[in-house]
Amino acid sequence: MRKVTLHRSLIGQGPLILVNRKHALCGTGNAELSTYDAEYPDIYLERRAARLLSACIAEIHGGGKIVPVSGWRSHAEQQQLWEDTLRTNGEAFTRQYVAFPGCSEHETGLAIDLGKAASDIDFIRPDFPYSGLCQTFRRAALRYGFIERYARDKEEITGISHEPWHFRYVGAPHAQLMYENRFCLEEYTEWIREKERICTLENGRTARVFYLPCTGTHTDCELPDGCCQISGNNVDGFVVTAWGVGA
């Protein structure tokens, strides 16, 4: 075991941060951004998410057929999008499909809107059907740590209408656990709090996932030996993922 000390500010950083109208973004200001496709040099993601998205699309031979529509946005860009959509489409539509500035996953660098390649793509609601190559992407994306963030049957929980084009990087094994249990990120955040979870990955390795509450300005934690990841949840603590440990 090894001991680490986590500063409270880290609650707002990491792939499992929950960002919505109730939990505004409070971190990721220092996120390293990268393009995932040289053909779209103005669309950025967090560096690790960009690398994995690129690998996923390459695996399914989706280059040029699945295209990025919107990735990372600055707070000013999100504010402008909110105001423009409000002016053009009205308040009801805007609240359904555009997150309030400061409460948007696009400001984290962990979210990407994808579209099926076409001559004319709707920036707010791009076409990404549940068929063909787009559906192949959905299945493959789980292995790379991406989830479809806003499902039709979770609208009352997420506060956002169904968005089949919006994908969020949460990492492994979390994407798999969320898919198997039909959780949105809000539900998963609560579920992890309940007790430690063990997940068996496709390659036979196991991952141990547990919640660590933030206890003050600094939180001490004992980590198991081996490969570990710590992510804030942007609510009240941290999620620790330790690979290669059995139940």
Protein backbone atom coordinates (compact mmCIF):
# COMPACT_ATOMS: atom_id res chain seq x y z
CA MET A 1 0.00 0.00 0.00
CA ARG A 2 1.10 3.58 -0.57
CA LYS A 3 -0.21 6.79 0.89
CA VAL A 4 -1.23 9.83 -1.15
CA THR A 5 -2.72 13.16 -0.14
CA LEU A 6 -5.41 14.72 -2.34
CA HIS A 7 -6.18 18.43 -2.34
CA ARG A 8 -9.83 19.43 -2.37
CA SER A 9 -9.39 21.22 -5.70
CA LEU A 10 -8.88 17.84 -7.41
CA ILE A 11 -12.59 17.07 -6.93
CA GLY A 12 -13.19 18.98 -10.16
CA GLN A 13 -10.64 17.10 -12.26
CA GLY A 14 -10.59 13.69 -13.93
CA PRO A 15 -12.64 11.61 -16.38
CA LEU A 16 -15.49 10.93 -13.92
CA ILE A 17 -16.45 14.49 -13.04
CA LEU A 18 -20.21 15.02 -13.06
CA VAL A 19 -21.07 18.27 -14.83
CA ASN A 20 -24.70 19.36 -15.11
CA ARG A 21 -27.02 22.19 -14.06
CA LYS A 22 -26.69 21.19 -10.38
CA HIS A 23 -22.93 20.67 -10.50
CA ALA A 24 -21.16 23.42 -12.39
CA LEU A 25 -17.66 22.93 -13.68
CA CYS A 26 -15.09 23.82 -11.04
CA GLY A 27 -11.92 22.31 -12.49
CA THR A 28 -10.15 21.07 -15.65
CA GLY A 29 -8.82 24.54 -16.32
CA ASN A 30 -5.42 22.98 -16.91
CA ALA A 31 -6.66 20.11 -19.10
CA GLU A 32 -4.25 19.20 -21.88
CA LEU A 33 -6.10 19.46 -25.17
CA SER A 34 -5.36 17.76 -28.44
CA THR A 35 -6.96 17.23 -31.84
CA TYR A 36 -8.00 13.66 -32.59
CA ASP A 37 -8.18 14.05 -36.36
CA ALA A 38 -5.75 16.15 -38.41
CA GLU A 39 -8.56 16.83 -40.86
CA TYR A 40 -10.34 18.85 -38.15
CA PRO A 41 -7.61 20.98 -36.55
CA ASP A 42 -10.08 23.25 -34.75
CA ILE A 43 -11.84 20.50 -32.77
CA TYR A 44 -10.16 19.56 -29.51
CA LEU A 45 -10.55 16.98 -26.75
CA GLU A 46 -8.67 16.20 -23.59
CA ARG A 47 -5.44 14.54 -24.72
CA ARG A 48 -6.18 11.00 -23.55
CA ALA A 49 -9.78 11.09 -24.77
CA ALA A 50 -8.58 12.34 -28.16
CA ARG A 51 -6.08 9.51 -28.50
CA LEU A 52 -8.65 6.84 -27.60
CA LEU A 53 -11.35 8.28 -29.84
CA SER A 54 -8.93 8.27 -32.74
CA ALA A 55 -8.05 4.61 -32.06
CA CYS A 56 -11.74 3.66 -31.83
CA ILE A 57 -12.66 5.26 -35.14
CA ALA A 58 -9.61 3.71 -36.80
CA GLU A 59 -10.63 0.26 -35.54
CA ILE A 60 -14.05 0.47 -37.21
CA HIS A 61 -12.67 2.16 -40.34
CA GLY A 62 -14.84 5.18 -39.66
CA GLY A 63 -12.51 7.90 -40.89
CA GLY A 64 -14.31 10.36 -43.15
CA LYS A 65 -17.64 8.62 -42.46
CA ILE A 66 -18.03 9.63 -38.81
CA VAL A 67 -17.06 13.26 -38.36
CA PRO A 68 -16.58 15.51 -35.32
CA VAL A 69 -19.09 18.32 -35.01
CA SER A 70 -18.18 19.92 -31.69
CA GLY A 71 -15.58 19.11 -29.05
CA TRP A 72 -14.05 21.30 -26.36
CA ARG A 73 -15.57 24.76 -25.99
CA SER A 74 -14.30 27.66 -23.96
CA HIS A 75 -16.70 29.21 -21.48
CA ALA A 76 -17.09 32.19 -23.81
CA GLU A 77 -17.98 29.89 -26.73
CA GLN A 78 -20.56 28.07 -24.63
CA GLN A 79 -22.04 31.39 -23.55
CA GLN A 80 -22.25 32.53 -27.17
CA LEU A 81 -23.86 29.25 -28.25
CA TRP A 82 -26.43 29.54 -25.47
CA GLU A 83 -27.32 33.11 -26.42
CA ASP A 84 -27.43 32.40 -30.17
CA THR A 85 -29.63 29.33 -29.74
CA LEU A 86 -31.89 31.17 -27.32
CA ARG A 87 -32.33 33.98 -29.82
CA THR A 88 -32.87 31.66 -32.79
CA ASN A 89 -34.84 28.74 -31.31
CA GLY A 90 -36.34 30.00 -28.07
CA GLU A 91 -35.93 29.05 -24.42
CA ALA A 92 -37.62 25.62 -24.45
CA PHE A 93 -35.44 24.29 -27.27
CA THR A 94 -32.29 25.82 -25.82
CA ARG A 95 -32.81 24.24 -22.40
CA GLN A 96 -33.41 20.88 -24.06
CA TYR A 97 -30.29 20.76 -26.21
CA VAL A 98 -27.77 23.32 -24.96
CA ALA A 99 -26.19 23.15 -21.51
CA PHE A 100 -26.06 26.33 -19.47
CA PRO A 101 -22.64 28.02 -19.62
CA GLY A 102 -20.40 26.66 -16.88
CA CYS A 103 -22.52 23.49 -16.74
CA SER A 104 -21.56 22.03 -20.11
CA GLU A 105 -19.54 18.85 -20.59
CA HIS A 106 -18.05 20.46 -23.66
CA GLU A 107 -16.13 22.82 -21.38
CA THR A 108 -14.35 19.83 -19.81
CA GLY A 109 -12.74 18.55 -23.03
CA LEU A 110 -14.24 15.12 -22.26
CA ALA A 111 -17.27 15.37 -24.58
CA ILE A 112 -17.64 15.18 -28.34
CA ASP A 113 -20.60 15.56 -30.67
CA LEU A 114 -20.29 13.28 -33.69
CA GLY A 115 -22.21 13.19 -36.93
CA LYS A 116 -22.69 10.95 -39.91
CA ALA A 117 -20.76 12.54 -42.77
CA ALA A 118 -23.00 14.66 -44.99
CA SER A 119 -22.84 17.83 -47.02
CA ASP A 120 -24.99 19.65 -44.45
CA ILE A 121 -24.72 18.81 -40.74
CA ASP A 122 -26.88 20.36 -38.01
CA PHE A 123 -24.46 21.78 -35.40
CA ILE A 124 -26.95 21.43 -32.53
CA ARG A 125 -28.54 18.10 -33.50
CA PRO A 126 -26.29 16.18 -35.93
CA ASP A 127 -27.55 12.93 -37.41
CA PHE A 128 -26.04 9.88 -35.69
CA PRO A 129 -28.43 6.94 -36.23
CA TYR A 130 -28.73 3.64 -34.36
CA SER A 131 -27.72 1.71 -37.45
CA GLY A 132 -24.78 1.06 -39.74
CA LEU A 133 -21.35 2.42 -38.90
CA CYS A 134 -22.70 4.79 -36.25
CA GLN A 135 -24.08 1.87 -34.25
CA THR A 136 -20.82 -0.03 -34.78
CA PHE A 137 -19.08 2.96 -33.21
CA ARG A 138 -21.38 2.88 -30.18
CA ARG A 139 -20.51 -0.74 -29.45
CA ALA A 140 -16.78 -0.25 -29.95
CA ALA A 141 -16.67 3.03 -28.02
CA LEU A 142 -17.40 1.31 -24.70
CA ARG A 143 -14.07 -0.53 -24.87
CA TYR A 144 -12.34 2.81 -25.32
CA GLY A 145 -14.11 4.41 -22.36
CA PHE A 146 -16.85 6.41 -24.14
CA ILE A 147 -20.57 6.39 -23.31
CA GLU A 148 -23.60 7.87 -25.01
CA ARG A 149 -24.24 10.45 -22.34
CA TYR A 150 -27.88 11.49 -22.78
CA ALA A 151 -30.26 8.57 -23.22
CA ARG A 152 -33.96 8.93 -23.99
CA ASP A 153 -35.11 7.25 -20.76
CA LYS A 154 -32.80 9.35 -18.55
CA GLU A 155 -33.98 12.83 -19.53
CA GLU A 156 -35.57 13.59 -16.16
CA ILE A 157 -32.29 12.71 -14.42
CA THR A 158 -29.81 14.40 -16.76
CA GLY A 159 -31.93 17.44 -17.50
CA ILE A 160 -30.95 17.16 -21.18
CA SER A 161 -33.04 15.74 -24.01
CA HIS A 162 -32.01 12.57 -25.80
CA GLU A 163 -28.79 13.24 -27.73
CA PRO A 164 -27.64 10.18 -29.72
CA TRP A 165 -24.72 12.21 -31.09
CA HIS A 166 -23.15 13.26 -27.76
CA PHE A 167 -20.43 11.00 -26.35
CA ARG A 168 -18.55 11.41 -23.12
CA TYR A 169 -15.21 9.93 -22.11
CA VAL A 170 -15.36 8.33 -18.64
CA GLY A 171 -12.64 5.70 -19.10
CA ALA A 172 -12.46 2.00 -18.42
CA PRO A 173 -13.94 0.10 -16.65
CA HIS A 174 -16.55 2.80 -15.99
CA ALA A 175 -18.06 2.84 -19.47
CA GLN A 176 -18.60 -0.92 -19.25
CA LEU A 177 -20.13 -0.73 -15.76
CA MET A 178 -22.46 2.09 -16.79
CA TYR A 179 -23.60 0.20 -19.89
CA GLU A 180 -24.16 -3.10 -18.08
CA ASN A 181 -26.23 -1.43 -15.37
CA ARG A 182 -27.99 1.04 -17.70
CA PHE A 183 -26.77 3.99 -15.64
CA CYS A 184 -26.34 7.56 -16.73
CA LEU A 185 -23.43 9.38 -15.10
CA GLU A 186 -25.66 10.88 -12.39
CA GLU A 187 -26.80 7.40 -11.33
CA TYR A 188 -23.31 5.95 -11.59
CA THR A 189 -21.92 8.65 -9.29
CA GLU A 190 -24.44 7.62 -6.63
CA TRP A 191 -23.93 3.88 -7.19
CA ILE A 192 -20.17 4.08 -6.69
CA ARG A 193 -20.76 5.76 -3.32
CA GLU A 194 -22.66 2.73 -1.99
CA LYS A 195 -19.86 0.18 -1.87
CA GLU A 196 -16.71 -1.04 -3.58
CA ARG A 197 -17.24 -2.58 -7.03
CA ILE A 198 -15.23 -5.23 -8.89
CA CYS A 199 -15.35 -5.38 -12.67
CA THR A 200 -13.89 -8.05 -14.96
CA LEU A 201 -12.61 -6.61 -18.22
CA GLU A 202 -12.60 -8.26 -21.64
CA ASN A 203 -8.92 -9.12 -21.36
CA GLY A 204 -9.53 -11.04 -18.14
CA ARG A 205 -8.04 -8.42 -15.84
CA THR A 206 -10.06 -7.11 -12.94
CA ALA A 207 -10.57 -3.59 -11.75
CA ARG A 208 -11.54 -2.47 -8.27
CA VAL A 209 -13.54 0.76 -8.04
CA PHE A 210 -14.29 2.57 -4.80
CA TYR A 211 -15.39 5.98 -3.57
CA LEU A 212 -13.29 8.18 -1.31
CA PRO A 213 -15.09 11.11 0.37
CA CYS A 214 -13.34 14.45 0.55
CA THR A 215 -12.67 15.08 4.23
CA GLY A 216 -11.40 18.65 4.13
CA THR A 217 -8.78 20.73 2.40
CA HIS A 218 -6.62 17.61 2.20
CA THR A 219 -7.71 13.97 2.08
CA ASP A 220 -5.32 11.13 2.87
CA CYS A 221 -5.75 7.88 0.95
CA GLU A 222 -4.00 4.52 0.98
CA LEU A 223 -3.76 3.06 -2.51
CA PRO A 224 -3.09 -0.58 -3.37
CA ASP A 225 0.15 -1.35 -5.15
CA GLY A 226 -0.03 -1.41 -8.93
CA CYS A 227 -1.75 0.77 -11.49
CA CYS A 228 -4.31 3.18 -10.03
CA GLN A 229 -6.31 6.15 -11.27
CA ILE A 230 -7.95 8.82 -9.12
CA SER A 231 -10.69 11.04 -10.49
CA GLY A 232 -12.73 13.68 -8.76
CA ASN A 233 -16.50 13.39 -9.09
CA ASN A 234 -17.13 17.18 -9.03
CA VAL A 235 -19.55 16.65 -6.15
CA ASP A 236 -17.98 15.58 -2.87
CA GLY A 237 -15.10 13.19 -3.35
CA PHE A 238 -12.98 10.94 -5.51
CA VAL A 239 -13.30 7.66 -7.41
CA VAL A 240 -10.32 5.34 -7.18
CA THR A 241 -9.79 2.69 -9.84
CA ALA A 242 -7.18 0.00 -9.22
CA TRP A 243 -6.37 -2.49 -11.96
CA GLY A 244 -5.22 -6.06 -11.60
CA VAL A 245 -6.86 -6.74 -8.23
CA GLY A 246 -9.34 -9.53 -7.65
CA ALA A 247 -12.36 -9.65 -5.41
